[in-house]
Amino acid sequence: MGVQLLAVVATVALAATATAVIMTLVNATLGAKAGVREQLTGLDLSEHGEEAYFGEQGATPVPGVALGGGVIVSSAAPASANAVVTS
């Protein structure tokens, strides 16, 4: 039982170390995350130039409008609770 536990711990340590090294290299060269614009547009459109879903299952609602075109990414200051308007 002790040898098996040692093997499991060693395997987890090796996998974690290898993953950390690989991700460090990827982040230093290519980057592991898509940019904000690509994420809001949708990676299916920005990476492949086509929509992943058709019809009402997530397709672009209006031609020429990105999927995340109306999403607010950041603002200078958070809105106060009194300024929030619900419709």
C-alpha atoms as a PDB file:
ATOM      1  CA  MET A   1       0.000   0.000   0.000  1.00  0.00           C
ATOM      2  CA  GLY A   2       2.841   2.413   0.816  1.00  0.00           C
ATOM      3  CA  VAL A   3       4.541   1.838  -2.542  1.00  0.00           C
ATOM      4  CA  GLN A   4       1.286   2.455  -4.413  1.00  0.00           C
ATOM      5  CA  LEU A   5       0.663   5.673  -2.485  1.00  0.00           C
ATOM      6  CA  LEU A   6       4.198   6.836  -3.256  1.00  0.00           C
ATOM      7  CA  ALA A   7       3.638   6.044  -6.948  1.00  0.00           C
ATOM      8  CA  VAL A   8       0.380   8.025  -6.997  1.00  0.00           C
ATOM      9  CA  VAL A   9       1.995  11.032  -5.294  1.00  0.00           C
ATOM     10  CA  ALA A  10       4.969  10.889  -7.670  1.00  0.00           C
ATOM     11  CA  THR A  11       2.658  10.678 -10.694  1.00  0.00           C
ATOM     12  CA  VAL A  12       0.589  13.660  -9.550  1.00  0.00           C
ATOM     13  CA  ALA A  13       3.757  15.674  -8.863  1.00  0.00           C
ATOM     14  CA  LEU A  14       5.215  14.823 -12.274  1.00  0.00           C
ATOM     15  CA  ALA A  15       1.973  15.664 -14.081  1.00  0.00           C
ATOM     16  CA  ALA A  16       1.599  18.977 -12.220  1.00  0.00           C
ATOM     17  CA  THR A  17       5.201  19.967 -12.906  1.00  0.00           C
ATOM     18  CA  ALA A  18       5.011  19.029 -16.583  1.00  0.00           C
ATOM     19  CA  THR A  19       1.715  20.901 -16.984  1.00  0.00           C
ATOM     20  CA  ALA A  20       3.167  24.011 -15.316  1.00  0.00           C
ATOM     21  CA  VAL A  21       6.216  23.943 -17.599  1.00  0.00           C
ATOM     22  CA  ILE A  22       4.118  23.448 -20.741  1.00  0.00           C
ATOM     23  CA  MET A  23       1.659  26.220 -19.810  1.00  0.00           C
ATOM     24  CA  THR A  24       4.528  28.598 -19.006  1.00  0.00           C
ATOM     25  CA  LEU A  25       6.014  27.960 -22.457  1.00  0.00           C
ATOM     26  CA  VAL A  26       2.633  28.363 -24.179  1.00  0.00           C
ATOM     27  CA  ASN A  27       1.903  31.620 -22.331  1.00  0.00           C
ATOM     28  CA  ALA A  28       5.351  32.968 -23.206  1.00  0.00           C
ATOM     29  CA  THR A  29       4.995  32.186 -26.914  1.00  0.00           C
ATOM     30  CA  LEU A  30       1.412  31.928 -28.146  1.00  0.00           C
ATOM     31  CA  GLY A  31      -0.765  32.817 -25.192  1.00  0.00           C
ATOM     32  CA  ALA A  32      -3.244  30.399 -23.697  1.00  0.00           C
ATOM     33  CA  LYS A  33      -6.309  32.648 -23.810  1.00  0.00           C
ATOM     34  CA  ALA A  34      -8.084  34.336 -26.676  1.00  0.00           C
ATOM     35  CA  GLY A  35      -8.389  38.108 -26.605  1.00  0.00           C
ATOM     36  CA  VAL A  36     -11.517  39.875 -25.391  1.00  0.00           C
ATOM     37  CA  ARG A  37     -12.619  40.780 -28.918  1.00  0.00           C
ATOM     38  CA  GLU A  38     -12.299  37.166 -30.087  1.00  0.00           C
ATOM     39  CA  GLN A  39     -14.197  35.888 -27.049  1.00  0.00           C
ATOM     40  CA  LEU A  40     -17.045  38.356 -27.521  1.00  0.00           C
ATOM     41  CA  THR A  41     -17.260  37.680 -31.245  1.00  0.00           C
ATOM     42  CA  GLY A  42     -17.238  33.967 -30.590  1.00  0.00           C
ATOM     43  CA  LEU A  43     -14.292  31.691 -31.224  1.00  0.00           C
ATOM     44  CA  ASP A  44     -16.227  29.791 -33.864  1.00  0.00           C
ATOM     45  CA  LEU A  45     -16.393  32.974 -35.943  1.00  0.00           C
ATOM     46  CA  SER A  46     -12.977  34.439 -35.133  1.00  0.00           C
ATOM     47  CA  GLU A  47     -11.032  31.176 -35.428  1.00  0.00           C
ATOM     48  CA  HIS A  48     -12.949  29.302 -38.125  1.00  0.00           C
ATOM     49  CA  GLY A  49     -14.973  31.981 -39.899  1.00  0.00           C
ATOM     50  CA  GLU A  50     -18.268  30.165 -39.453  1.00  0.00           C
ATOM     51  CA  GLU A  51     -20.997  29.800 -36.854  1.00  0.00           C
ATOM     52  CA  ALA A  52     -21.156  26.669 -34.747  1.00  0.00           C
ATOM     53  CA  TYR A  53     -24.952  26.756 -34.400  1.00  0.00           C
ATOM     54  CA  PHE A  54     -27.705  27.548 -36.856  1.00  0.00           C
ATOM     55  CA  GLY A  55     -31.175  28.949 -36.411  1.00  0.00           C
ATOM     56  CA  GLU A  56     -32.183  29.944 -32.896  1.00  0.00           C
ATOM     57  CA  GLN A  57     -29.561  27.813 -31.156  1.00  0.00           C
ATOM     58  CA  GLY A  58     -26.950  30.542 -30.746  1.00  0.00           C
ATOM     59  CA  ALA A  59     -26.514  31.889 -34.253  1.00  0.00           C
ATOM     60  CA  THR A  60     -25.695  35.546 -34.793  1.00  0.00           C
ATOM     61  CA  PRO A  61     -29.045  37.331 -34.321  1.00  0.00           C
ATOM     62  CA  VAL A  62     -28.576  39.994 -37.023  1.00  0.00           C
ATOM     63  CA  PRO A  63     -26.144  39.933 -39.953  1.00  0.00           C
ATOM     64  CA  GLY A  64     -23.065  42.002 -39.136  1.00  0.00           C
ATOM     65  CA  VAL A  65     -23.611  41.956 -35.360  1.00  0.00           C
ATOM     66  CA  ALA A  66     -21.263  39.949 -33.166  1.00  0.00           C
ATOM     67  CA  LEU A  67     -22.667  37.573 -30.576  1.00  0.00           C
ATOM     68  CA  GLY A  68     -21.236  39.612 -27.712  1.00  0.00           C
ATOM     69  CA  GLY A  69     -21.609  43.003 -29.335  1.00  0.00           C
ATOM     70  CA  GLY A  70     -23.853  44.309 -26.556  1.00  0.00           C
ATOM     71  CA  VAL A  71     -21.824  43.002 -23.642  1.00  0.00           C
ATOM     72  CA  ILE A  72     -20.182  45.587 -21.387  1.00  0.00           C
ATOM     73  CA  VAL A  73     -16.632  44.432 -20.676  1.00  0.00           C
ATOM     74  CA  SER A  74     -15.522  47.125 -18.258  1.00  0.00           C
ATOM     75  CA  SER A  75     -16.500  50.534 -16.954  1.00  0.00           C
ATOM     76  CA  ALA A  76     -14.709  53.342 -15.167  1.00  0.00           C
ATOM     77  CA  ALA A  77     -16.714  52.956 -11.964  1.00  0.00           C
ATOM     78  CA  PRO A  78     -19.359  50.503 -10.819  1.00  0.00           C
ATOM     79  CA  ALA A  79     -22.926  51.748 -10.996  1.00  0.00           C
ATOM     80  CA  SER A  80     -24.626  52.523  -7.720  1.00  0.00           C
ATOM     81  CA  ALA A  81     -27.571  50.395  -6.619  1.00  0.00           C
ATOM     82  CA  ASN A  82     -29.949  53.335  -7.190  1.00  0.00           C
ATOM     83  CA  ALA A  83     -28.775  53.766 -10.793  1.00  0.00           C
ATOM     84  CA  VAL A  84     -29.673  50.239 -11.871  1.00  0.00           C
ATOM     85  CA  VAL A  85     -32.668  50.211 -14.193  1.00  0.00           C
ATOM     86  CA  THR A  86     -34.568  47.011 -14.885  1.00  0.00           C
ATOM     87  CA  SER A  87     -36.854  46.592 -17.833  1.00  0.00           C
END
